[in-house]
Amino acid sequence: MITTQAQIIELEERLRQAMLGSDVVELDALIAPELLFTNHLGQLVSKQEDLDAHRSGQFKFTELTPSERQIQLNNGFTVVSVLMHIVGSYVDLMNGRLELRSELEKGTTINITFPQQK
């Protein structure tokens, strides 16, 4: 059972490393089945959708830097909220590409590229 913030921070680091490497096996082990993410577009994403995106190569993170972390330990469960600065790319199903770079107190740069239609 997880009882300290240090244990949570260690698991969060394992999660960050798994995300950087798109390590689907480690992500599957670390993420609860019922967890919902809010992605970079503000959409809710299930665990399975997140794993599928990593497996397919849709996500490619080159930097993930936590800047704000809130940990609330409760009896039998923990709530973790992390503000993450992201550098990487996201390839959507239309063969487009979204690249983003986020810097604390500077903002976010987003480049979107779509193949030219004939």
PDB file of N, CA and C in Angstrom:
ATOM      1  N   MET A   1       0.831  -1.181   0.000  1.00  0.00           N
ATOM      2  CA  MET A   1       0.000   0.000   0.000  1.00  0.00           C
ATOM      3  C   MET A   1       0.881   1.251   0.000  1.00  0.00           C
ATOM      4  N   ILE A   2       0.480   2.235  -0.755  1.00  0.00           N
ATOM      5  CA  ILE A   2       1.218   3.489  -0.863  1.00  0.00           C
ATOM      6  C   ILE A   2       0.802   4.393   0.299  1.00  0.00           C
ATOM      7  N   THR A   3       1.803   4.851   1.063  1.00  0.00           N
ATOM      8  CA  THR A   3       1.471   5.621   2.254  1.00  0.00           C
ATOM      9  C   THR A   3       2.180   6.966   2.340  1.00  0.00           C
ATOM     10  N   THR A   4       3.146   7.236   1.462  1.00  0.00           N
ATOM     11  CA  THR A   4       3.895   8.487   1.570  1.00  0.00           C
ATOM     12  C   THR A   4       3.942   9.226   0.230  1.00  0.00           C
ATOM     13  N   GLN A   5       4.148  10.530   0.328  1.00  0.00           N
ATOM     14  CA  GLN A   5       4.301  11.330  -0.885  1.00  0.00           C
ATOM     15  C   GLN A   5       5.546  10.912  -1.659  1.00  0.00           C
ATOM     16  N   ALA A   6       6.588  10.485  -0.958  1.00  0.00           N
ATOM     17  CA  ALA A   6       7.816  10.037  -1.635  1.00  0.00           C
ATOM     18  C   ALA A   6       7.528   8.843  -2.540  1.00  0.00           C
ATOM     19  N   GLN A   7       6.687   7.921  -2.084  1.00  0.00           N
ATOM     20  CA  GLN A   7       6.315   6.773  -2.913  1.00  0.00           C
ATOM     21  C   GLN A   7       5.545   7.230  -4.150  1.00  0.00           C
ATOM     22  N   ILE A   8       4.645   8.183  -3.982  1.00  0.00           N
ATOM     23  CA  ILE A   8       3.873   8.720  -5.111  1.00  0.00           C
ATOM     24  C   ILE A   8       4.806   9.391  -6.108  1.00  0.00           C
ATOM     25  N   ILE A   9       5.738  10.181  -5.627  1.00  0.00           N
ATOM     26  CA  ILE A   9       6.673  10.878  -6.518  1.00  0.00           C
ATOM     27  C   ILE A   9       7.517   9.870  -7.299  1.00  0.00           C
ATOM     28  N   GLU A  10       7.923   8.784  -6.646  1.00  0.00           N
ATOM     29  CA  GLU A  10       8.678   7.733  -7.334  1.00  0.00           C
ATOM     30  C   GLU A  10       7.848   7.091  -8.447  1.00  0.00           C
ATOM     31  N   LEU A  11       6.586   6.802  -8.165  1.00  0.00           N
ATOM     32  CA  LEU A  11       5.697   6.232  -9.191  1.00  0.00           C
ATOM     33  C   LEU A  11       5.436   7.230 -10.313  1.00  0.00           C
ATOM     34  N   GLU A  12       5.293   8.501  -9.977  1.00  0.00           N
ATOM     35  CA  GLU A  12       5.103   9.533 -10.997  1.00  0.00           C
ATOM     36  C   GLU A  12       6.311   9.620 -11.922  1.00  0.00           C
ATOM     37  N   GLU A  13       7.508   9.450 -11.372  1.00  0.00           N
ATOM     38  CA  GLU A  13       8.717   9.464 -12.202  1.00  0.00           C
ATOM     39  C   GLU A  13       8.758   8.244 -13.118  1.00  0.00           C
ATOM     40  N   ARG A  14       8.370   7.083 -12.602  1.00  0.00           N
ATOM     41  CA  ARG A  14       8.279   5.892 -13.467  1.00  0.00           C
ATOM     42  C   ARG A  14       7.288   6.134 -14.598  1.00  0.00           C
ATOM     43  N   LEU A  15       6.165   6.771 -14.284  1.00  0.00           N
ATOM     44  CA  LEU A  15       5.154   7.079 -15.302  1.00  0.00           C
ATOM     45  C   LEU A  15       5.725   8.041 -16.344  1.00  0.00           C
ATOM     46  N   ARG A  16       6.426   9.077 -15.885  1.00  0.00           N
ATOM     47  CA  ARG A  16       7.020  10.053 -16.811  1.00  0.00           C
ATOM     48  C   ARG A  16       8.016   9.375 -17.747  1.00  0.00           C
ATOM     49  N   GLN A  17       8.863   8.508 -17.206  1.00  0.00           N
ATOM     50  CA  GLN A  17       9.840   7.792 -18.031  1.00  0.00           C
ATOM     51  C   GLN A  17       9.146   6.852 -19.021  1.00  0.00           C
ATOM     52  N   ALA A  18       8.079   6.189 -18.581  1.00  0.00           N
ATOM     53  CA  ALA A  18       7.331   5.298 -19.476  1.00  0.00           C
ATOM     54  C   ALA A  18       6.679   6.087 -20.599  1.00  0.00           C
ATOM     55  N   MET A  19       6.179   7.284 -20.283  1.00  0.00           N
ATOM     56  CA  MET A  19       5.582   8.128 -21.321  1.00  0.00           C
ATOM     57  C   MET A  19       6.635   8.577 -22.322  1.00  0.00           C
ATOM     58  N   LEU A  20       7.811   8.968 -21.831  1.00  0.00           N
ATOM     59  CA  LEU A  20       8.889   9.398 -22.731  1.00  0.00           C
ATOM     60  C   LEU A  20       9.312   8.282 -23.679  1.00  0.00           C
ATOM     61  N   GLY A  21       9.327   7.061 -23.182  1.00  0.00           N
ATOM     62  CA  GLY A  21       9.753   5.929 -24.002  1.00  0.00           C
ATOM     63  C   GLY A  21       8.612   5.173 -24.659  1.00  0.00           C
ATOM     64  N   SER A  22       7.374   5.661 -24.482  1.00  0.00           N
ATOM     65  CA  SER A  22       6.183   4.945 -24.977  1.00  0.00           C
ATOM     66  C   SER A  22       6.237   3.471 -24.585  1.00  0.00           C
ATOM     67  N   ASP A  23       6.619   3.219 -23.340  1.00  0.00           N
ATOM     68  CA  ASP A  23       6.715   1.867 -22.797  1.00  0.00           C
ATOM     69  C   ASP A  23       5.309   1.413 -22.384  1.00  0.00           C
ATOM     70  N   VAL A  24       4.607   0.783 -23.311  1.00  0.00           N
ATOM     71  CA  VAL A  24       3.204   0.419 -23.112  1.00  0.00           C
ATOM     72  C   VAL A  24       3.038  -0.585 -21.968  1.00  0.00           C
ATOM     73  N   VAL A  25       3.976  -1.495 -21.803  1.00  0.00           N
ATOM     74  CA  VAL A  25       3.891  -2.481 -20.715  1.00  0.00           C
ATOM     75  C   VAL A  25       3.949  -1.775 -19.358  1.00  0.00           C
ATOM     76  N   GLU A  26       4.894  -0.864 -19.199  1.00  0.00           N
ATOM     77  CA  GLU A  26       5.026  -0.124 -17.938  1.00  0.00           C
ATOM     78  C   GLU A  26       3.833   0.806 -17.731  1.00  0.00           C
ATOM     79  N   LEU A  27       3.390   1.470 -18.789  1.00  0.00           N
ATOM     80  CA  LEU A  27       2.211   2.338 -18.671  1.00  0.00           C
ATOM     81  C   LEU A  27       0.994   1.531 -18.227  1.00  0.00           C
ATOM     82  N   ASP A  28       0.818   0.369 -18.808  1.00  0.00           N
ATOM     83  CA  ASP A  28      -0.318  -0.483 -18.455  1.00  0.00           C
ATOM     84  C   ASP A  28      -0.255  -0.879 -16.983  1.00  0.00           C
ATOM     85  N   ALA A  29       0.949  -1.162 -16.486  1.00  0.00           N
ATOM     86  CA  ALA A  29       1.105  -1.552 -15.085  1.00  0.00           C
ATOM     87  C   ALA A  29       0.861  -0.385 -14.129  1.00  0.00           C
ATOM     88  N   LEU A  30       1.196   0.818 -14.548  1.00  0.00           N
ATOM     89  CA  LEU A  30       1.116   1.978 -13.657  1.00  0.00           C
ATOM     90  C   LEU A  30      -0.246   2.670 -13.658  1.00  0.00           C
ATOM     91  N   ILE A  31      -0.978   2.580 -14.755  1.00  0.00           N
ATOM     92  CA  ILE A  31      -2.227   3.347 -14.904  1.00  0.00           C
ATOM     93  C   ILE A  31      -3.422   2.493 -14.490  1.00  0.00           C
ATOM     94  N   ALA A  32      -4.251   3.051 -13.618  1.00  0.00           N
ATOM     95  CA  ALA A  32      -5.465   2.359 -13.185  1.00  0.00           C
ATOM     96  C   ALA A  32      -6.439   2.237 -14.362  1.00  0.00           C
ATOM     97  N   PRO A  33      -7.191   1.136 -14.433  1.00  0.00           N
ATOM     98  CA  PRO A  33      -8.103   0.911 -15.565  1.00  0.00           C
ATOM     99  C   PRO A  33      -9.151   2.016 -15.743  1.00  0.00           C
ATOM    100  N   GLU A  34      -9.610   2.610 -14.662  1.00  0.00           N
ATOM    101  CA  GLU A  34     -10.683   3.597 -14.745  1.00  0.00           C
ATOM    102  C   GLU A  34     -10.182   5.035 -14.899  1.00  0.00           C
ATOM    103  N   LEU A  35      -8.873   5.212 -14.988  1.00  0.00           N
ATOM    104  CA  LEU A  35      -8.317   6.559 -15.056  1.00  0.00           C
ATOM    105  C   LEU A  35      -8.697   7.260 -16.355  1.00  0.00           C
ATOM    106  N   LEU A  36      -8.992   8.557 -16.266  1.00  0.00           N
ATOM    107  CA  LEU A  36      -9.222   9.407 -17.430  1.00  0.00           C
ATOM    108  C   LEU A  36      -8.162  10.497 -17.444  1.00  0.00           C
ATOM    109  N   PHE A  37      -7.564  10.734 -18.615  1.00  0.00           N
ATOM    110  CA  PHE A  37      -6.606  11.813 -18.809  1.00  0.00           C
ATOM    111  C   PHE A  37      -7.307  12.971 -19.494  1.00  0.00           C
ATOM    112  N   THR A  38      -6.813  14.174 -19.279  1.00  0.00           N
ATOM    113  CA  THR A  38      -7.165  15.314 -20.118  1.00  0.00           C
ATOM    114  C   THR A  38      -5.955  15.535 -21.013  1.00  0.00           C
ATOM    115  N   ASN A  39      -6.139  15.352 -22.335  1.00  0.00           N
ATOM    116  CA  ASN A  39      -4.985  15.453 -23.232  1.00  0.00           C
ATOM    117  C   ASN A  39      -4.673  16.904 -23.586  1.00  0.00           C
ATOM    118  N   HIS A  40      -3.704  17.084 -24.448  1.00  0.00           N
ATOM    119  CA  HIS A  40      -3.240  18.410 -24.851  1.00  0.00           C
ATOM    120  C   HIS A  40      -4.304  19.211 -25.589  1.00  0.00           C
ATOM    121  N   LEU A  41      -5.363  18.561 -26.062  1.00  0.00           N
ATOM    122  CA  LEU A  41      -6.459  19.250 -26.742  1.00  0.00           C
ATOM    123  C   LEU A  41      -7.654  19.472 -25.819  1.00  0.00           C
ATOM    124  N   GLY A  42      -7.501  19.117 -24.531  1.00  0.00           N
ATOM    125  CA  GLY A  42      -8.574  19.278 -23.566  1.00  0.00           C
ATOM    126  C   GLY A  42      -9.617  18.175 -23.615  1.00  0.00           C
ATOM    127  N   GLN A  43      -9.337  17.084 -24.321  1.00  0.00           N
ATOM    128  CA  GLN A  43     -10.278  15.977 -24.452  1.00  0.00           C
ATOM    129  C   GLN A  43     -10.007  14.931 -23.370  1.00  0.00           C
ATOM    130  N   LEU A  44     -11.082  14.283 -22.883  1.00  0.00           N
ATOM    131  CA  LEU A  44     -10.919  13.178 -21.951  1.00  0.00           C
ATOM    132  C   LEU A  44     -10.532  11.927 -22.722  1.00  0.00           C
ATOM    133  N   VAL A  45      -9.518  11.223 -22.224  1.00  0.00           N
ATOM    134  CA  VAL A  45      -8.979  10.035 -22.888  1.00  0.00           C
ATOM    135  C   VAL A  45      -8.925   8.900 -21.864  1.00  0.00           C
ATOM    136  N   SER A  46      -9.420   7.740 -22.247  1.00  0.00           N
ATOM    137  CA  SER A  46      -9.374   6.577 -21.361  1.00  0.00           C
ATOM    138  C   SER A  46      -7.971   5.980 -21.348  1.00  0.00           C
ATOM    139  N   LYS A  47      -7.748   5.094 -20.395  1.00  0.00           N
ATOM    140  CA  LYS A  47      -6.471   4.388 -20.320  1.00  0.00           C
ATOM    141  C   LYS A  47      -6.192   3.661 -21.630  1.00  0.00           C
ATOM    142  N   GLN A  48      -7.177   2.930 -22.142  1.00  0.00           N
ATOM    143  CA  GLN A  48      -6.972   2.156 -23.363  1.00  0.00           C
ATOM    144  C   GLN A  48      -6.657   3.050 -24.557  1.00  0.00           C
ATOM    145  N   GLU A  49      -7.345   4.195 -24.663  1.00  0.00           N
ATOM    146  CA  GLU A  49      -7.056   5.129 -25.758  1.00  0.00           C
ATOM    147  C   GLU A  49      -5.638   5.679 -25.651  1.00  0.00           C
ATOM    148  N   ASP A  50      -5.202   5.971 -24.422  1.00  0.00           N
ATOM    149  CA  ASP A  50      -3.847   6.465 -24.211  1.00  0.00           C
ATOM    150  C   ASP A  50      -2.810   5.407 -24.587  1.00  0.00           C
ATOM    151  N   LEU A  51      -3.033   4.162 -24.134  1.00  0.00           N
ATOM    152  CA  LEU A  51      -2.115   3.078 -24.480  1.00  0.00           C
ATOM    153  C   LEU A  51      -2.065   2.862 -25.989  1.00  0.00           C
ATOM    154  N   ASP A  52      -3.220   2.898 -26.642  1.00  0.00           N
ATOM    155  CA  ASP A  52      -3.275   2.717 -28.093  1.00  0.00           C
ATOM    156  C   ASP A  52      -2.480   3.806 -28.819  1.00  0.00           C
ATOM    157  N   ALA A  53      -2.577   5.045 -28.334  1.00  0.00           N
ATOM    158  CA  ALA A  53      -1.843   6.153 -28.968  1.00  0.00           C
ATOM    159  C   ALA A  53      -0.335   5.958 -28.811  1.00  0.00           C
ATOM    160  N   HIS A  54       0.099   5.495 -27.651  1.00  0.00           N
ATOM    161  CA  HIS A  54       1.534   5.220 -27.460  1.00  0.00           C
ATOM    162  C   HIS A  54       1.969   4.044 -28.332  1.00  0.00           C
ATOM    163  N   ARG A  55       1.156   3.003 -28.362  1.00  0.00           N
ATOM    164  CA  ARG A  55       1.487   1.794 -29.139  1.00  0.00           C
ATOM    165  C   ARG A  55       1.610   2.119 -30.629  1.00  0.00           C
ATOM    166  N   SER A  56       0.730   2.970 -31.141  1.00  0.00           N
ATOM    167  CA  SER A  56       0.699   3.280 -32.574  1.00  0.00           C
ATOM    168  C   SER A  56       1.758   4.298 -32.999  1.00  0.00           C
ATOM    169  N   GLY A  57       2.376   4.957 -32.027  1.00  0.00           N
ATOM    170  CA  GLY A  57       3.346   5.990 -32.365  1.00  0.00           C
ATOM    171  C   GLY A  57       2.736   7.362 -32.548  1.00  0.00           C
ATOM    172  N   GLN A  58       1.432   7.504 -32.237  1.00  0.00           N
ATOM    173  CA  GLN A  58       0.792   8.824 -32.347  1.00  0.00           C
ATOM    174  C   GLN A  58       1.459   9.840 -31.439  1.00  0.00           C
ATOM    175  N   PHE A  59       1.889   9.413 -30.257  1.00  0.00           N
ATOM    176  CA  PHE A  59       2.572  10.295 -29.315  1.00  0.00           C
ATOM    177  C   PHE A  59       4.065  10.068 -29.409  1.00  0.00           C
ATOM    178  N   LYS A  60       4.815  11.141 -29.412  1.00  0.00           N
ATOM    179  CA  LYS A  60       6.262  11.042 -29.287  1.00  0.00           C
ATOM    180  C   LYS A  60       6.710  12.219 -28.428  1.00  0.00           C
ATOM    181  N   PHE A  61       6.933  11.935 -27.137  1.00  0.00           N
ATOM    182  CA  PHE A  61       7.362  12.978 -26.224  1.00  0.00           C
ATOM    183  C   PHE A  61       8.880  12.999 -26.168  1.00  0.00           C
ATOM    184  N   THR A  62       9.453  14.196 -26.242  1.00  0.00           N
ATOM    185  CA  THR A  62      10.901  14.338 -26.103  1.00  0.00           C
ATOM    186  C   THR A  62      11.266  14.964 -24.761  1.00  0.00           C
ATOM    187  N   GLU A  63      10.332  15.719 -24.175  1.00  0.00           N
ATOM    188  CA  GLU A  63      10.534  16.283 -22.836  1.00  0.00           C
ATOM    189  C   GLU A  63       9.192  16.298 -22.116  1.00  0.00           C
ATOM    190  N   LEU A  64       9.211  15.906 -20.862  1.00  0.00           N
ATOM    191  CA  LEU A  64       8.054  16.007 -19.969  1.00  0.00           C
ATOM    192  C   LEU A  64       8.586  16.521 -18.642  1.00  0.00           C
ATOM    193  N   THR A  65       8.254  17.761 -18.315  1.00  0.00           N
ATOM    194  CA  THR A  65       8.786  18.372 -17.110  1.00  0.00           C
ATOM    195  C   THR A  65       7.648  18.820 -16.206  1.00  0.00           C
ATOM    196  N   PRO A  66       7.498  18.171 -15.041  1.00  0.00           N
ATOM    197  CA  PRO A  66       6.441  18.607 -14.120  1.00  0.00           C
ATOM    198  C   PRO A  66       6.809  19.940 -13.488  1.00  0.00           C
ATOM    199  N   SER A  67       5.839  20.867 -13.425  1.00  0.00           N
ATOM    200  CA  SER A  67       6.119  22.166 -12.819  1.00  0.00           C
ATOM    201  C   SER A  67       5.278  22.390 -11.566  1.00  0.00           C
ATOM    202  N   GLU A  68       4.130  21.787 -11.510  1.00  0.00           N
ATOM    203  CA  GLU A  68       3.281  21.887 -10.324  1.00  0.00           C
ATOM    204  C   GLU A  68       2.733  20.504 -10.045  1.00  0.00           C
ATOM    205  N   ARG A  69       2.809  20.102  -8.799  1.00  0.00           N
ATOM    206  CA  ARG A  69       2.299  18.783  -8.428  1.00  0.00           C
ATOM    207  C   ARG A  69       1.547  18.925  -7.113  1.00  0.00           C
ATOM    208  N   GLN A  70       0.341  18.370  -7.101  1.00  0.00           N
ATOM    209  CA  GLN A  70      -0.447  18.324  -5.871  1.00  0.00           C
ATOM    210  C   GLN A  70      -0.760  16.865  -5.587  1.00  0.00           C
ATOM    211  N   ILE A  71      -0.475  16.448  -4.358  1.00  0.00           N
ATOM    212  CA  ILE A  71      -0.715  15.067  -3.948  1.00  0.00           C
ATOM    213  C   ILE A  71      -1.605  15.091  -2.713  1.00  0.00           C
ATOM    214  N   GLN A  72      -2.707  14.375  -2.809  1.00  0.00           N
ATOM    215  CA  GLN A  72      -3.624  14.277  -1.682  1.00  0.00           C
ATOM    216  C   GLN A  72      -3.761  12.809  -1.301  1.00  0.00           C
ATOM    217  N   LEU A  73      -3.161  12.440  -0.173  1.00  0.00           N
ATOM    218  CA  LEU A  73      -3.246  11.069   0.326  1.00  0.00           C
ATOM    219  C   LEU A  73      -4.540  10.907   1.107  1.00  0.00           C
ATOM    220  N   ASN A  74      -5.303   9.884   0.773  1.00  0.00           N
ATOM    221  CA  ASN A  74      -6.557   9.580   1.445  1.00  0.00           C
ATOM    222  C   ASN A  74      -6.517   8.141   1.928  1.00  0.00           C
ATOM    223  N   ASN A  75      -7.492   7.759   2.701  1.00  0.00           N
ATOM    224  CA  ASN A  75      -7.578   6.388   3.191  1.00  0.00           C
ATOM    225  C   ASN A  75      -7.979   5.462   2.042  1.00  0.00           C
ATOM    226  N   GLY A  76      -7.031   4.718   1.485  1.00  0.00           N
ATOM    227  CA  GLY A  76      -7.322   3.752   0.429  1.00  0.00           C
ATOM    228  C   GLY A  76      -7.121   4.265  -0.984  1.00  0.00           C
ATOM    229  N   PHE A  77      -6.892   5.567  -1.164  1.00  0.00           N
ATOM    230  CA  PHE A  77      -6.650   6.096  -2.509  1.00  0.00           C
ATOM    231  C   PHE A  77      -5.890   7.417  -2.411  1.00  0.00           C
ATOM    232  N   THR A  78      -5.288   7.811  -3.515  1.00  0.00           N
ATOM    233  CA  THR A  78      -4.531   9.056  -3.588  1.00  0.00           C
ATOM    234  C   THR A  78      -4.947   9.809  -4.844  1.00  0.00           C
ATOM    235  N   VAL A  79      -5.034  11.129  -4.721  1.00  0.00           N
ATOM    236  CA  VAL A  79      -5.325  11.982  -5.870  1.00  0.00           C
ATOM    237  C   VAL A  79      -4.054  12.758  -6.195  1.00  0.00           C
ATOM    238  N   VAL A  80      -3.636  12.681  -7.466  1.00  0.00           N
ATOM    239  CA  VAL A  80      -2.439  13.384  -7.914  1.00  0.00           C
ATOM    240  C   VAL A  80      -2.824  14.273  -9.091  1.00  0.00           C
ATOM    241  N   SER A  81      -2.426  15.527  -9.014  1.00  0.00           N
ATOM    242  CA  SER A  81      -2.626  16.467 -10.112  1.00  0.00           C
ATOM    243  C   SER A  81      -1.262  17.041 -10.471  1.00  0.00           C
ATOM    244  N   VAL A  82      -0.907  16.956 -11.761  1.00  0.00           N
ATOM    245  CA  VAL A  82       0.404  17.418 -12.208  1.00  0.00           C
ATOM    246  C   VAL A  82       0.226  18.322 -13.425  1.00  0.00           C
ATOM    247  N   LEU A  83       0.823  19.509 -13.367  1.00  0.00           N
ATOM    248  CA  LEU A  83       0.914  20.377 -14.537  1.00  0.00           C
ATOM    249  C   LEU A  83       2.224  20.019 -15.217  1.00  0.00           C
ATOM    250  N   MET A  84       2.130  19.557 -16.460  1.00  0.00           N
ATOM    251  CA  MET A  84       3.298  19.020 -17.156  1.00  0.00           C
ATOM    252  C   MET A  84       3.606  19.886 -18.377  1.00  0.00           C
ATOM    253  N   HIS A  85       4.846  20.315 -18.470  1.00  0.00           N
ATOM    254  CA  HIS A  85       5.297  21.020 -19.676  1.00  0.00           C
ATOM    255  C   HIS A  85       5.788  19.963 -20.648  1.00  0.00           C
ATOM    256  N   ILE A  86       5.253  20.030 -21.869  1.00  0.00           N
ATOM    257  CA  ILE A  86       5.435  18.958 -22.848  1.00  0.00           C
ATOM    258  C   ILE A  86       6.162  19.478 -24.081  1.00  0.00           C
ATOM    259  N   VAL A  87       7.116  18.697 -24.547  1.00  0.00           N
ATOM    260  CA  VAL A  87       7.725  18.917 -25.856  1.00  0.00           C
ATOM    261  C   VAL A  87       7.616  17.588 -26.587  1.00  0.00           C
ATOM    262  N   GLY A  88       7.076  17.624 -27.781  1.00  0.00           N
ATOM    263  CA  GLY A  88       6.938  16.394 -28.535  1.00  0.00           C
ATOM    264  C   GLY A  88       6.040  16.585 -29.726  1.00  0.00           C
ATOM    265  N   SER A  89       5.530  15.481 -30.229  1.00  0.00           N
ATOM    266  CA  SER A  89       4.662  15.548 -31.399  1.00  0.00           C
ATOM    267  C   SER A  89       3.507  14.572 -31.238  1.00  0.00           C
ATOM    268  N   TYR A  90       2.458  14.869 -31.959  1.00  0.00           N
ATOM    269  CA  TYR A  90       1.250  14.060 -31.962  1.00  0.00           C
ATOM    270  C   TYR A  90       0.831  13.919 -33.422  1.00  0.00           C
ATOM    271  N   VAL A  91       0.737  12.702 -33.890  1.00  0.00           N
ATOM    272  CA  VAL A  91       0.331  12.460 -35.267  1.00  0.00           C
ATOM    273  C   VAL A  91      -1.110  11.989 -35.244  1.00  0.00           C
ATOM    274  N   ASP A  92      -1.982  12.676 -35.978  1.00  0.00           N
ATOM    275  CA  ASP A  92      -3.382  12.253 -35.945  1.00  0.00           C
ATOM    276  C   ASP A  92      -3.683  11.278 -37.073  1.00  0.00           C
ATOM    277  N   LEU A  93      -4.890  10.810 -37.137  1.00  0.00           N
ATOM    278  CA  LEU A  93      -5.256   9.763 -38.090  1.00  0.00           C
ATOM    279  C   LEU A  93      -5.310  10.257 -39.537  1.00  0.00           C
ATOM    280  N   MET A  94      -5.270  11.576 -39.744  1.00  0.00           N
ATOM    281  CA  MET A  94      -5.299  12.116 -41.107  1.00  0.00           C
ATOM    282  C   MET A  94      -3.880  12.364 -41.617  1.00  0.00           C
ATOM    283  N   ASN A  95      -2.897  11.740 -40.979  1.00  0.00           N
ATOM    284  CA  ASN A  95      -1.486  11.908 -41.335  1.00  0.00           C
ATOM    285  C   ASN A  95      -0.982  13.322 -41.097  1.00  0.00           C
ATOM    286  N   GLY A  96      -1.701  14.069 -40.279  1.00  0.00           N
ATOM    287  CA  GLY A  96      -1.228  15.385 -39.882  1.00  0.00           C
ATOM    288  C   GLY A  96      -0.270  15.249 -38.714  1.00  0.00           C
ATOM    289  N   ARG A  97       0.305  16.351 -38.335  1.00  0.00           N
ATOM    290  CA  ARG A  97       1.261  16.338 -37.234  1.00  0.00           C
ATOM    291  C   ARG A  97       1.063  17.589 -36.401  1.00  0.00           C
ATOM    292  N   LEU A  98       1.027  17.416 -35.096  1.00  0.00           N
ATOM    293  CA  LEU A  98       0.946  18.530 -34.175  1.00  0.00           C
ATOM    294  C   LEU A  98       2.187  18.482 -33.306  1.00  0.00           C
ATOM    295  N   GLU A  99       2.981  19.537 -33.340  1.00  0.00           N
ATOM    296  CA  GLU A  99       4.174  19.612 -32.508  1.00  0.00           C
ATOM    297  C   GLU A  99       3.962  20.733 -31.513  1.00  0.00           C
ATOM    298  N   LEU A 100       4.307  20.478 -30.263  1.00  0.00           N
ATOM    299  CA  LEU A 100       4.133  21.528 -29.283  1.00  0.00           C
ATOM    300  C   LEU A 100       5.321  21.619 -28.358  1.00  0.00           C
ATOM    301  N   ARG A 101       5.546  22.839 -27.921  1.00  0.00           N
ATOM    302  CA  ARG A 101       6.618  23.119 -26.967  1.00  0.00           C
ATOM    303  C   ARG A 101       6.043  24.080 -25.948  1.00  0.00           C
ATOM    304  N   SER A 102       6.114  23.691 -24.693  1.00  0.00           N
ATOM    305  CA  SER A 102       5.553  24.480 -23.612  1.00  0.00           C
ATOM    306  C   SER A 102       6.666  24.893 -22.666  1.00  0.00           C
ATOM    307  N   GLU A 103       6.706  26.178 -22.304  1.00  0.00           N
ATOM    308  CA  GLU A 103       7.704  26.655 -21.367  1.00  0.00           C
ATOM    309  C   GLU A 103       7.012  27.478 -20.293  1.00  0.00           C
ATOM    310  N   LEU A 104       7.354  27.208 -19.045  1.00  0.00           N
ATOM    311  CA  LEU A 104       6.779  27.896 -17.908  1.00  0.00           C
ATOM    312  C   LEU A 104       6.984  29.398 -18.030  1.00  0.00           C
ATOM    313  N   GLU A 105       5.915  30.129 -17.855  1.00  0.00           N
ATOM    314  CA  GLU A 105       5.878  31.594 -17.886  1.00  0.00           C
ATOM    315  C   GLU A 105       6.240  32.185 -19.256  1.00  0.00           C
ATOM    316  N   LYS A 106       6.371  31.347 -20.290  1.00  0.00           N
ATOM    317  CA  LYS A 106       6.636  31.841 -21.639  1.00  0.00           C
ATOM    318  C   LYS A 106       5.505  31.511 -22.584  1.00  0.00           C
ATOM    319  N   GLY A 107       4.814  30.400 -22.336  1.00  0.00           N
ATOM    320  CA  GLY A 107       3.700  30.007 -23.191  1.00  0.00           C
ATOM    321  C   GLY A 107       3.980  28.739 -23.957  1.00  0.00           C
ATOM    322  N   THR A 108       3.110  28.469 -24.925  1.00  0.00           N
ATOM    323  CA  THR A 108       3.187  27.249 -25.711  1.00  0.00           C
ATOM    324  C   THR A 108       3.229  27.594 -27.191  1.00  0.00           C
ATOM    325  N   THR A 109       4.123  26.950 -27.920  1.00  0.00           N
ATOM    326  CA  THR A 109       4.197  27.086 -29.371  1.00  0.00           C
ATOM    327  C   THR A 109       3.627  25.812 -29.974  1.00  0.00           C
ATOM    328  N   ILE A 110       2.667  25.966 -30.887  1.00  0.00           N
ATOM    329  CA  ILE A 110       2.035  24.818 -31.532  1.00  0.00           C
ATOM    330  C   ILE A 110       2.210  24.940 -33.035  1.00  0.00           C
ATOM    331  N   ASN A 111       2.748  23.892 -33.666  1.00  0.00           N
ATOM    332  CA  ASN A 111       2.865  23.813 -35.119  1.00  0.00           C
ATOM    333  C   ASN A 111       1.995  22.669 -35.596  1.00  0.00           C
ATOM    334  N   ILE A 112       1.107  22.940 -36.532  1.00  0.00           N
ATOM    335  CA  ILE A 112       0.228  21.917 -37.091  1.00  0.00           C
ATOM    336  C   ILE A 112       0.516  21.795 -38.577  1.00  0.00           C
ATOM    337  N   THR A 113       0.758  20.568 -39.026  1.00  0.00           N
ATOM    338  CA  THR A 113       1.066  20.316 -40.440  1.00  0.00           C
ATOM    339  C   THR A 113       0.118  19.232 -40.950  1.00  0.00           C
ATOM    340  N   PHE A 114      -0.484  19.488 -42.109  1.00  0.00           N
ATOM    341  CA  PHE A 114      -1.320  18.497 -42.765  1.00  0.00           C
ATOM    342  C   PHE A 114      -0.793  18.266 -44.173  1.00  0.00           C
ATOM    343  N   PRO A 115      -0.910  17.054 -44.693  1.00  0.00           N
ATOM    344  CA  PRO A 115      -0.466  16.796 -46.052  1.00  0.00           C
ATOM    345  C   PRO A 115      -1.300  17.615 -47.035  1.00  0.00           C
ATOM    346  N   GLN A 116      -0.655  18.045 -48.081  1.00  0.00           N
ATOM    347  CA  GLN A 116      -1.351  18.822 -49.107  1.00  0.00           C
ATOM    348  C   GLN A 116      -2.329  17.930 -49.872  1.00  0.00           C
ATOM    349  N   GLN A 117      -3.553  18.404 -50.009  1.00  0.00           N
ATOM    350  CA  GLN A 117      -4.584  17.657 -50.739  1.00  0.00           C
ATOM    351  C   GLN A 117      -4.527  18.051 -52.198  1.00  0.00           C
ATOM    352  N   LYS A 118      -4.672  17.045 -53.087  1.00  0.00           N
ATOM    353  CA  LYS A 118      -4.637  17.337 -54.537  1.00  0.00           C
ATOM    354  C   LYS A 118      -6.029  17.402 -55.088  1.00  0.00           C
TER     355      LYS A 118
END
